[in-house]
Amino acid sequence: MTNSSDFRPVALEHASRLINHGPTVLVTSADGSRRNIMAAAWSMPVEFTPPRIAVVIDKHTYTRELIAKTGTFAICIPGTALVDLTYAVGSASGRDLDKFAHCGIDAKAGPVLGMPVIEGGCSAWLECRLIPERHTEDAYDTCFAEVVAAAADARVFVNGHWTFDSGNAALHTIHHLGGGNFVSAGNTIRARA
């Protein structure tokens, strides 16, 4: 598991790099005592300054209900160590159970919005404020948000860049292929200039 002291703030101009390689993410949301976590395979950066992202969250999910109430959420980027957890939270509804308690998820409050963020087993997280776009939310289940805080584990993301190697394999991001199948990011390959 990750020690929270391994996490360092990420300059917001580099926040989009945390998701630009298409990892499966965990979307956390909370409204008072109600909270939820779900897996999402479709997220991407859409703007660098200010950092903005898009994530597809079905309008019928408990997560969307909580986000609609608060206008806030977080994106946590699980490493390979959390592949089973990622699949589990993506396969059950938060309306039926508190997935944090049920799965033993240790989350802390994000520094700006207080959203649940996960560091143990995750390589990074982003706290996000929803940018209301009713048409895209209703028609395409696509939510846009501005990133207001971000942090990453310095063992895998340093100076605005991912570094995947054999020494940090448990933090390599995962990518959903469907049907409970995932692939992990491999070792970094450096291009020659």
Protein backbone atom coordinates (compact mmCIF):
# COMPACT_ATOMS: atom_id res chain seq x y z
CA MET A 1 0.00 0.00 0.00
CA THR A 2 0.99 3.58 -0.55
CA ASN A 3 2.19 5.71 2.35
CA SER A 4 0.40 9.06 2.16
CA SER A 5 3.78 10.76 2.59
CA ASP A 6 4.67 9.53 -0.92
CA PHE A 7 1.99 11.82 -2.40
CA ARG A 8 3.04 15.28 -3.55
CA PRO A 9 0.93 18.14 -4.91
CA VAL A 10 0.81 18.28 -8.69
CA ALA A 11 1.05 21.67 -10.39
CA LEU A 12 -2.34 22.27 -11.95
CA GLU A 13 -0.76 22.84 -15.37
CA HIS A 14 0.28 19.15 -15.21
CA ALA A 15 -3.00 17.79 -13.77
CA SER A 16 -4.35 16.76 -17.20
CA ARG A 17 -1.36 14.43 -17.63
CA LEU A 18 -2.70 12.33 -14.77
CA ILE A 19 -5.50 11.04 -17.04
CA ASN A 20 -4.38 11.76 -20.62
CA HIS A 21 -3.24 8.16 -21.14
CA GLY A 22 -6.77 6.84 -20.59
CA PRO A 23 -6.69 4.93 -17.30
CA THR A 24 -9.74 3.47 -15.61
CA VAL A 25 -10.57 5.84 -12.77
CA LEU A 26 -12.52 5.74 -9.54
CA VAL A 27 -15.06 8.56 -9.22
CA THR A 28 -15.87 9.50 -5.63
CA SER A 29 -18.71 11.72 -4.53
CA ALA A 30 -20.27 12.80 -1.26
CA ASP A 31 -23.18 14.83 0.07
CA GLY A 32 -23.07 15.12 3.84
CA SER A 33 -23.06 11.58 5.25
CA ARG A 34 -23.89 10.03 1.87
CA ARG A 35 -20.92 8.97 -0.26
CA ASN A 36 -20.18 6.76 -3.21
CA ILE A 37 -17.42 5.39 -5.37
CA MET A 38 -17.69 3.98 -8.88
CA ALA A 39 -15.34 2.94 -11.66
CA ALA A 40 -15.30 4.84 -14.96
CA ALA A 41 -13.39 3.80 -18.07
CA TRP A 42 -14.03 6.97 -20.09
CA SER A 43 -12.28 10.08 -18.84
CA MET A 44 -9.96 12.56 -20.49
CA PRO A 45 -8.44 16.01 -20.21
CA VAL A 46 -10.15 18.69 -22.29
CA GLU A 47 -8.21 21.84 -21.40
CA PHE A 48 -4.85 22.62 -19.83
CA THR A 49 -5.35 26.09 -18.29
CA PRO A 50 -7.42 26.02 -16.26
CA PRO A 51 -7.23 22.23 -16.07
CA ARG A 52 -10.54 20.73 -17.16
CA ILE A 53 -11.59 17.14 -17.67
CA ALA A 54 -14.51 15.15 -19.00
CA VAL A 55 -15.80 11.89 -17.55
CA VAL A 56 -18.75 9.76 -18.61
CA ILE A 57 -21.09 9.02 -15.68
CA ASP A 58 -24.49 7.52 -16.46
CA LYS A 59 -27.33 9.81 -15.42
CA HIS A 60 -29.07 6.98 -13.52
CA THR A 61 -26.18 6.28 -11.14
CA TYR A 62 -26.02 7.17 -7.49
CA THR A 63 -22.76 9.00 -8.22
CA ARG A 64 -24.51 11.37 -10.64
CA GLU A 65 -27.21 12.00 -8.04
CA LEU A 66 -24.61 13.04 -5.47
CA ILE A 67 -22.66 15.14 -7.99
CA ALA A 68 -25.86 16.91 -9.03
CA LYS A 69 -26.49 17.84 -5.37
CA THR A 70 -22.99 19.16 -4.61
CA GLY A 71 -21.40 20.02 -7.95
CA THR A 72 -18.21 18.30 -6.78
CA PHE A 73 -16.42 14.95 -7.11
CA ALA A 74 -12.97 13.42 -7.16
CA ILE A 75 -11.14 11.20 -9.60
CA CYS A 76 -8.78 8.63 -8.06
CA ILE A 77 -6.44 6.67 -10.32
CA PRO A 78 -6.03 3.10 -9.10
CA GLY A 79 -2.88 1.09 -9.62
CA THR A 80 -2.73 -2.61 -10.43
CA ALA A 81 -2.91 -3.36 -6.70
CA LEU A 82 -6.55 -2.20 -6.79
CA VAL A 83 -7.80 -4.05 -9.88
CA ASP A 84 -10.16 -6.29 -7.85
CA LEU A 85 -11.48 -3.32 -5.87
CA THR A 86 -11.97 -1.33 -9.08
CA TYR A 87 -14.00 -4.13 -10.61
CA ALA A 88 -16.02 -4.58 -7.38
CA VAL A 89 -17.01 -0.91 -7.02
CA GLY A 90 -17.88 -0.80 -10.72
CA SER A 91 -20.19 -3.80 -10.36
CA ALA A 92 -22.47 -2.68 -7.50
CA SER A 93 -24.71 0.30 -6.84
CA GLY A 94 -24.01 2.70 -4.00
CA ARG A 95 -27.76 2.92 -3.45
CA ASP A 96 -27.64 -0.64 -2.14
CA LEU A 97 -24.61 -0.37 0.17
CA ASP A 98 -21.86 1.96 1.35
CA LYS A 99 -19.10 0.68 -0.92
CA PHE A 100 -16.43 2.44 1.16
CA ALA A 101 -17.43 0.48 4.27
CA HIS A 102 -18.25 -2.74 2.43
CA CYS A 103 -14.89 -2.83 0.61
CA GLY A 104 -12.83 -1.40 3.49
CA ILE A 105 -11.75 1.65 1.49
CA ASP A 106 -9.66 4.14 3.40
CA ALA A 107 -10.28 7.63 2.04
CA LYS A 108 -9.34 11.04 3.31
CA ALA A 109 -10.95 14.41 2.62
CA GLY A 110 -9.48 16.31 -0.31
CA PRO A 111 -7.83 19.64 0.57
CA VAL A 112 -10.11 21.99 -1.39
CA LEU A 113 -13.57 20.42 -1.71
CA GLY A 114 -13.42 17.73 0.96
CA MET A 115 -14.21 14.98 -1.53
CA PRO A 116 -13.11 11.45 -0.59
CA VAL A 117 -9.67 10.79 -2.11
CA ILE A 118 -7.82 7.49 -1.99
CA GLU A 119 -4.06 7.24 -1.79
CA GLY A 120 -3.49 3.62 -0.71
CA GLY A 121 -3.09 1.64 -3.93
CA CYS A 122 -3.75 4.68 -6.11
CA SER A 123 -1.18 6.55 -8.15
CA ALA A 124 -2.97 9.93 -8.14
CA TRP A 125 -6.17 11.84 -7.44
CA LEU A 126 -7.88 15.01 -8.68
CA GLU A 127 -10.54 17.05 -6.87
CA CYS A 128 -13.04 18.45 -9.35
CA ARG A 129 -15.76 21.08 -9.50
CA LEU A 130 -18.55 20.32 -11.99
CA ILE A 131 -18.98 22.72 -14.92
CA PRO A 132 -22.74 22.48 -15.57
CA GLU A 133 -23.42 21.55 -19.20
CA ARG A 134 -26.98 20.20 -19.10
CA HIS A 135 -27.11 19.17 -22.76
CA THR A 136 -23.99 16.98 -22.71
CA GLU A 137 -24.86 15.62 -19.26
CA ASP A 138 -28.38 14.64 -20.33
CA ALA A 139 -27.72 13.57 -23.93
CA TYR A 140 -24.30 11.91 -23.58
CA ASP A 141 -23.78 11.32 -19.83
CA THR A 142 -20.60 13.40 -20.16
CA CYS A 143 -19.68 15.61 -17.22
CA PHE A 144 -17.14 18.41 -17.49
CA ALA A 145 -15.21 19.66 -14.50
CA GLU A 146 -12.42 21.96 -13.47
CA VAL A 147 -9.61 20.36 -11.47
CA VAL A 148 -9.07 22.41 -8.30
CA ALA A 149 -6.50 20.18 -6.57
CA ALA A 150 -4.38 17.21 -7.60
CA ALA A 151 -1.72 14.99 -6.08
CA ALA A 152 0.26 11.98 -7.24
CA ASP A 153 2.55 9.39 -5.75
CA ALA A 154 6.09 10.61 -6.39
CA ARG A 155 7.22 7.03 -6.98
CA VAL A 156 5.30 7.00 -10.27
CA PHE A 157 4.60 10.66 -11.26
CA VAL A 158 7.40 13.21 -10.96
CA ASN A 159 7.84 16.71 -12.40
CA GLY A 160 4.66 16.43 -14.44
CA HIS A 161 5.48 13.05 -16.01
CA TRP A 162 4.58 9.39 -15.49
CA THR A 163 7.45 6.98 -14.88
CA PHE A 164 6.35 3.35 -15.08
CA ASP A 165 9.09 0.83 -14.26
CA SER A 166 9.48 -2.51 -12.51
CA GLY A 167 10.03 -0.80 -9.16
CA ASN A 168 6.56 0.74 -9.06
CA ALA A 169 4.44 -1.93 -10.82
CA ALA A 170 1.73 -1.92 -8.11
CA LEU A 171 1.06 1.74 -9.01
CA HIS A 172 0.87 1.25 -12.79
CA THR A 173 -2.48 2.47 -14.04
CA ILE A 174 -5.11 0.02 -15.24
CA HIS A 175 -7.18 0.18 -18.41
CA HIS A 176 -10.52 -1.65 -18.74
CA LEU A 177 -10.94 -3.93 -21.74
CA GLY A 178 -14.48 -5.08 -20.85
CA GLY A 179 -15.89 -8.09 -19.02
CA GLY A 180 -13.66 -7.65 -15.98
CA ASN A 181 -10.49 -7.70 -18.09
CA PHE A 182 -7.88 -5.01 -17.54
CA VAL A 183 -4.43 -4.28 -18.91
CA SER A 184 -1.83 -2.32 -16.96
CA ALA A 185 0.43 0.44 -18.21
CA GLY A 186 3.85 -0.96 -19.02
CA ASN A 187 7.32 0.38 -18.51
CA THR A 188 8.00 3.84 -19.86
CA ILE A 189 9.70 3.89 -23.26
CA ARG A 190 11.64 7.08 -24.00
CA ALA A 191 11.62 8.32 -27.60
CA ARG A 192 14.83 9.60 -29.12
CA ALA A 193 14.88 13.25 -30.15
